[in-house]
Amino acid sequence: MIDFEDVSVRMSRHTILDGVDLHVDRGGWTCLIGPNGAGKTTLIRSAIGGIAFTGRVEIGGVKLNRIDPSRVAYVSQRPAVPEGMSVGEYVRLGRFPFGSPRTDQRGVEIVFGLLDELNLEN
């Protein structure tokens, strides 16, 4: 589903990632583990087009430079979640590319099905 091939990221004069190769299967779980500053978030940001990189990133067989950024949802390490917002409401924000989360009934069904599958309460 997601392929990284020889992915490198440089910021200023520092190499953050150097030649990363990784394949993530569709429907599986993958965990990135490492100390602070190891490049975990940088790798994810390269996958969503949030940072310049060299190498190749494909999502679902589509090269990253051809993916519509409005089709990508990302929650940063320090999200600004409004106080009192439920998990379901927060997850529904990822449905914006498909219409308003307030009126997207199909999105509500998808989100609550996913939360149930993951054993998360709304």
C-alpha atoms as a PDB file:
ATOM      1  CA  MET A   1       0.000   0.000   0.000  1.00  0.00           C
ATOM      2  CA  ILE A   2       2.809   2.437   0.877  1.00  0.00           C
ATOM      3  CA  ASP A   3       6.296   2.062  -0.556  1.00  0.00           C
ATOM      4  CA  PHE A   4       9.361   4.120   0.278  1.00  0.00           C
ATOM      5  CA  GLU A   5      12.415   3.580  -1.889  1.00  0.00           C
ATOM      6  CA  ASP A   6      15.721   5.325  -1.206  1.00  0.00           C
ATOM      7  CA  VAL A   7      13.911   8.204   0.559  1.00  0.00           C
ATOM      8  CA  SER A   8      16.177  10.940   1.866  1.00  0.00           C
ATOM      9  CA  VAL A   9      15.359  14.260   3.491  1.00  0.00           C
ATOM     10  CA  ARG A  10      17.727  17.140   4.087  1.00  0.00           C
ATOM     11  CA  MET A  11      16.883  20.205   6.153  1.00  0.00           C
ATOM     12  CA  SER A  12      19.326  23.058   5.977  1.00  0.00           C
ATOM     13  CA  ARG A  13      22.653  21.247   5.986  1.00  0.00           C
ATOM     14  CA  HIS A  14      21.437  18.244   8.006  1.00  0.00           C
ATOM     15  CA  THR A  15      20.477  14.853   6.612  1.00  0.00           C
ATOM     16  CA  ILE A  16      17.345  13.735   8.487  1.00  0.00           C
ATOM     17  CA  LEU A  17      16.632  10.558   6.480  1.00  0.00           C
ATOM     18  CA  ASP A  18      19.199   8.767   4.373  1.00  0.00           C
ATOM     19  CA  GLY A  19      18.112   6.135   1.843  1.00  0.00           C
ATOM     20  CA  VAL A  20      15.091   4.685   3.660  1.00  0.00           C
ATOM     21  CA  ASP A  21      13.410   1.645   2.079  1.00  0.00           C
ATOM     22  CA  LEU A  22      10.108   0.459   3.555  1.00  0.00           C
ATOM     23  CA  HIS A  23       7.055  -1.433   2.335  1.00  0.00           C
ATOM     24  CA  VAL A  24       3.767  -1.281   4.266  1.00  0.00           C
ATOM     25  CA  ASP A  25       1.096  -3.788   3.222  1.00  0.00           C
ATOM     26  CA  ARG A  26      -2.528  -2.757   2.829  1.00  0.00           C
ATOM     27  CA  GLY A  27      -4.636  -3.562   5.863  1.00  0.00           C
ATOM     28  CA  GLY A  28      -1.684  -4.298   8.095  1.00  0.00           C
ATOM     29  CA  TRP A  29      -0.305  -2.508  11.089  1.00  0.00           C
ATOM     30  CA  THR A  30       3.143  -0.978  11.039  1.00  0.00           C
ATOM     31  CA  CYS A  31       4.857   0.691  13.959  1.00  0.00           C
ATOM     32  CA  LEU A  32       7.750   3.123  13.636  1.00  0.00           C
ATOM     33  CA  ILE A  33       9.860   2.989  16.764  1.00  0.00           C
ATOM     34  CA  GLY A  34      12.915   5.025  17.571  1.00  0.00           C
ATOM     35  CA  PRO A  35      14.302   7.731  19.805  1.00  0.00           C
ATOM     36  CA  ASN A  36      13.317  11.376  19.508  1.00  0.00           C
ATOM     37  CA  GLY A  37      14.943  12.906  16.456  1.00  0.00           C
ATOM     38  CA  ALA A  38      15.353   9.580  14.607  1.00  0.00           C
ATOM     39  CA  GLY A  39      13.174  10.726  11.674  1.00  0.00           C
ATOM     40  CA  LYS A  40       9.872   8.899  12.325  1.00  0.00           C
ATOM     41  CA  THR A  41       7.692  11.968  11.834  1.00  0.00           C
ATOM     42  CA  THR A  42       9.819  13.136   8.917  1.00  0.00           C
ATOM     43  CA  LEU A  43       9.211   9.816   7.154  1.00  0.00           C
ATOM     44  CA  ILE A  44       5.445  10.167   7.655  1.00  0.00           C
ATOM     45  CA  ARG A  45       5.529  13.770   6.469  1.00  0.00           C
ATOM     46  CA  SER A  46       7.308  12.650   3.293  1.00  0.00           C
ATOM     47  CA  ALA A  47       4.506  10.112   2.693  1.00  0.00           C
ATOM     48  CA  ILE A  48       1.824  12.793   2.820  1.00  0.00           C
ATOM     49  CA  GLY A  49       3.692  15.346   0.749  1.00  0.00           C
ATOM     50  CA  GLY A  50       4.361  17.595   3.711  1.00  0.00           C
ATOM     51  CA  ILE A  51       8.109  17.769   3.207  1.00  0.00           C
ATOM     52  CA  ALA A  52      10.509  17.742   0.258  1.00  0.00           C
ATOM     53  CA  PHE A  53      12.397  14.490  -0.242  1.00  0.00           C
ATOM     54  CA  THR A  54      14.407  12.563  -2.794  1.00  0.00           C
ATOM     55  CA  GLY A  55      13.692   8.962  -3.714  1.00  0.00           C
ATOM     56  CA  ARG A  56      10.316   7.408  -4.423  1.00  0.00           C
ATOM     57  CA  VAL A  57       7.113   7.247  -2.367  1.00  0.00           C
ATOM     58  CA  GLU A  58       4.043   5.447  -3.687  1.00  0.00           C
ATOM     59  CA  ILE A  59       0.682   5.103  -2.007  1.00  0.00           C
ATOM     60  CA  GLY A  60      -1.529   2.430  -3.491  1.00  0.00           C
ATOM     61  CA  GLY A  61       0.748   2.242  -6.531  1.00  0.00           C
ATOM     62  CA  VAL A  62       0.416   5.984  -7.237  1.00  0.00           C
ATOM     63  CA  LYS A  63       3.543   8.127  -7.118  1.00  0.00           C
ATOM     64  CA  LEU A  64       3.280  10.744  -4.404  1.00  0.00           C
ATOM     65  CA  ASN A  65       3.680  13.712  -6.751  1.00  0.00           C
ATOM     66  CA  ARG A  66       0.365  12.689  -8.384  1.00  0.00           C
ATOM     67  CA  ILE A  67      -1.712  12.289  -5.180  1.00  0.00           C
ATOM     68  CA  ASP A  68      -4.292  15.002  -4.510  1.00  0.00           C
ATOM     69  CA  PRO A  69      -3.293  16.552  -1.150  1.00  0.00           C
ATOM     70  CA  SER A  70      -6.967  17.052  -0.275  1.00  0.00           C
ATOM     71  CA  ARG A  71      -7.234  13.237  -0.101  1.00  0.00           C
ATOM     72  CA  VAL A  72      -4.717  12.985   2.758  1.00  0.00           C
ATOM     73  CA  ALA A  73      -5.542  13.224   6.465  1.00  0.00           C
ATOM     74  CA  TYR A  74      -2.797  13.662   9.028  1.00  0.00           C
ATOM     75  CA  VAL A  75      -2.807  14.246  12.778  1.00  0.00           C
ATOM     76  CA  SER A  76       0.386  15.843  14.022  1.00  0.00           C
ATOM     77  CA  GLN A  77       2.152  14.936  17.256  1.00  0.00           C
ATOM     78  CA  ARG A  78       0.755  18.036  18.895  1.00  0.00           C
ATOM     79  CA  PRO A  79      -2.764  18.435  17.541  1.00  0.00           C
ATOM     80  CA  ALA A  80      -4.853  21.351  18.709  1.00  0.00           C
ATOM     81  CA  VAL A  81      -7.996  19.411  19.603  1.00  0.00           C
ATOM     82  CA  PRO A  82     -10.778  21.664  20.845  1.00  0.00           C
ATOM     83  CA  GLU A  83     -11.755  20.901  24.442  1.00  0.00           C
ATOM     84  CA  GLY A  84     -14.753  18.615  24.655  1.00  0.00           C
ATOM     85  CA  MET A  85     -14.405  17.189  21.135  1.00  0.00           C
ATOM     86  CA  SER A  86     -15.117  13.448  21.028  1.00  0.00           C
ATOM     87  CA  VAL A  87     -12.908  10.886  19.308  1.00  0.00           C
ATOM     88  CA  GLY A  88     -15.630  10.354  16.699  1.00  0.00           C
ATOM     89  CA  GLU A  89     -15.907  14.072  15.950  1.00  0.00           C
ATOM     90  CA  TYR A  90     -12.136  14.357  15.616  1.00  0.00           C
ATOM     91  CA  VAL A  91     -11.875  11.347  13.299  1.00  0.00           C
ATOM     92  CA  ARG A  92     -14.760  12.690  11.198  1.00  0.00           C
ATOM     93  CA  LEU A  93     -12.617  15.742  10.360  1.00  0.00           C
ATOM     94  CA  GLY A  94     -10.696  13.411   8.037  1.00  0.00           C
ATOM     95  CA  ARG A  95     -13.855  13.183   5.910  1.00  0.00           C
ATOM     96  CA  PHE A  96     -13.614  16.817   4.733  1.00  0.00           C
ATOM     97  CA  PRO A  97     -12.465  15.840   1.204  1.00  0.00           C
ATOM     98  CA  PHE A  98     -15.777  13.990   0.822  1.00  0.00           C
ATOM     99  CA  GLY A  99     -18.054  16.773   2.088  1.00  0.00           C
ATOM    100  CA  SER A 100     -18.934  18.453   5.340  1.00  0.00           C
ATOM    101  CA  PRO A 101     -18.494  16.154   8.355  1.00  0.00           C
ATOM    102  CA  ARG A 102     -21.778  17.576   9.676  1.00  0.00           C
ATOM    103  CA  THR A 103     -23.828  16.406   6.695  1.00  0.00           C
ATOM    104  CA  ASP A 104     -21.851  13.388   5.456  1.00  0.00           C
ATOM    105  CA  GLN A 105     -24.028  10.527   6.776  1.00  0.00           C
ATOM    106  CA  ARG A 106     -21.975   7.885   4.942  1.00  0.00           C
ATOM    107  CA  GLY A 107     -18.886   9.329   6.609  1.00  0.00           C
ATOM    108  CA  VAL A 108     -20.516   8.983  10.022  1.00  0.00           C
ATOM    109  CA  GLU A 109     -21.207   5.309   9.292  1.00  0.00           C
ATOM    110  CA  ILE A 110     -17.624   4.750   8.117  1.00  0.00           C
ATOM    111  CA  VAL A 111     -16.102   6.509  11.133  1.00  0.00           C
ATOM    112  CA  PHE A 112     -18.240   4.752  13.723  1.00  0.00           C
ATOM    113  CA  GLY A 113     -17.644   1.383  12.018  1.00  0.00           C
ATOM    114  CA  LEU A 114     -13.905   2.001  12.163  1.00  0.00           C
ATOM    115  CA  LEU A 115     -13.973   3.130  15.791  1.00  0.00           C
ATOM    116  CA  ASP A 116     -15.979   0.019  16.684  1.00  0.00           C
ATOM    117  CA  GLU A 117     -13.504  -2.202  14.809  1.00  0.00           C
ATOM    118  CA  LEU A 118     -10.619  -0.619  16.728  1.00  0.00           C
ATOM    119  CA  ASN A 119     -12.500  -0.930  20.051  1.00  0.00           C
ATOM    120  CA  LEU A 120     -12.415   2.829  20.566  1.00  0.00           C
ATOM    121  CA  GLU A 121     -15.258   4.648  22.245  1.00  0.00           C
ATOM    122  CA  ASN A 122     -16.732   7.745  20.688  1.00  0.00           C
END
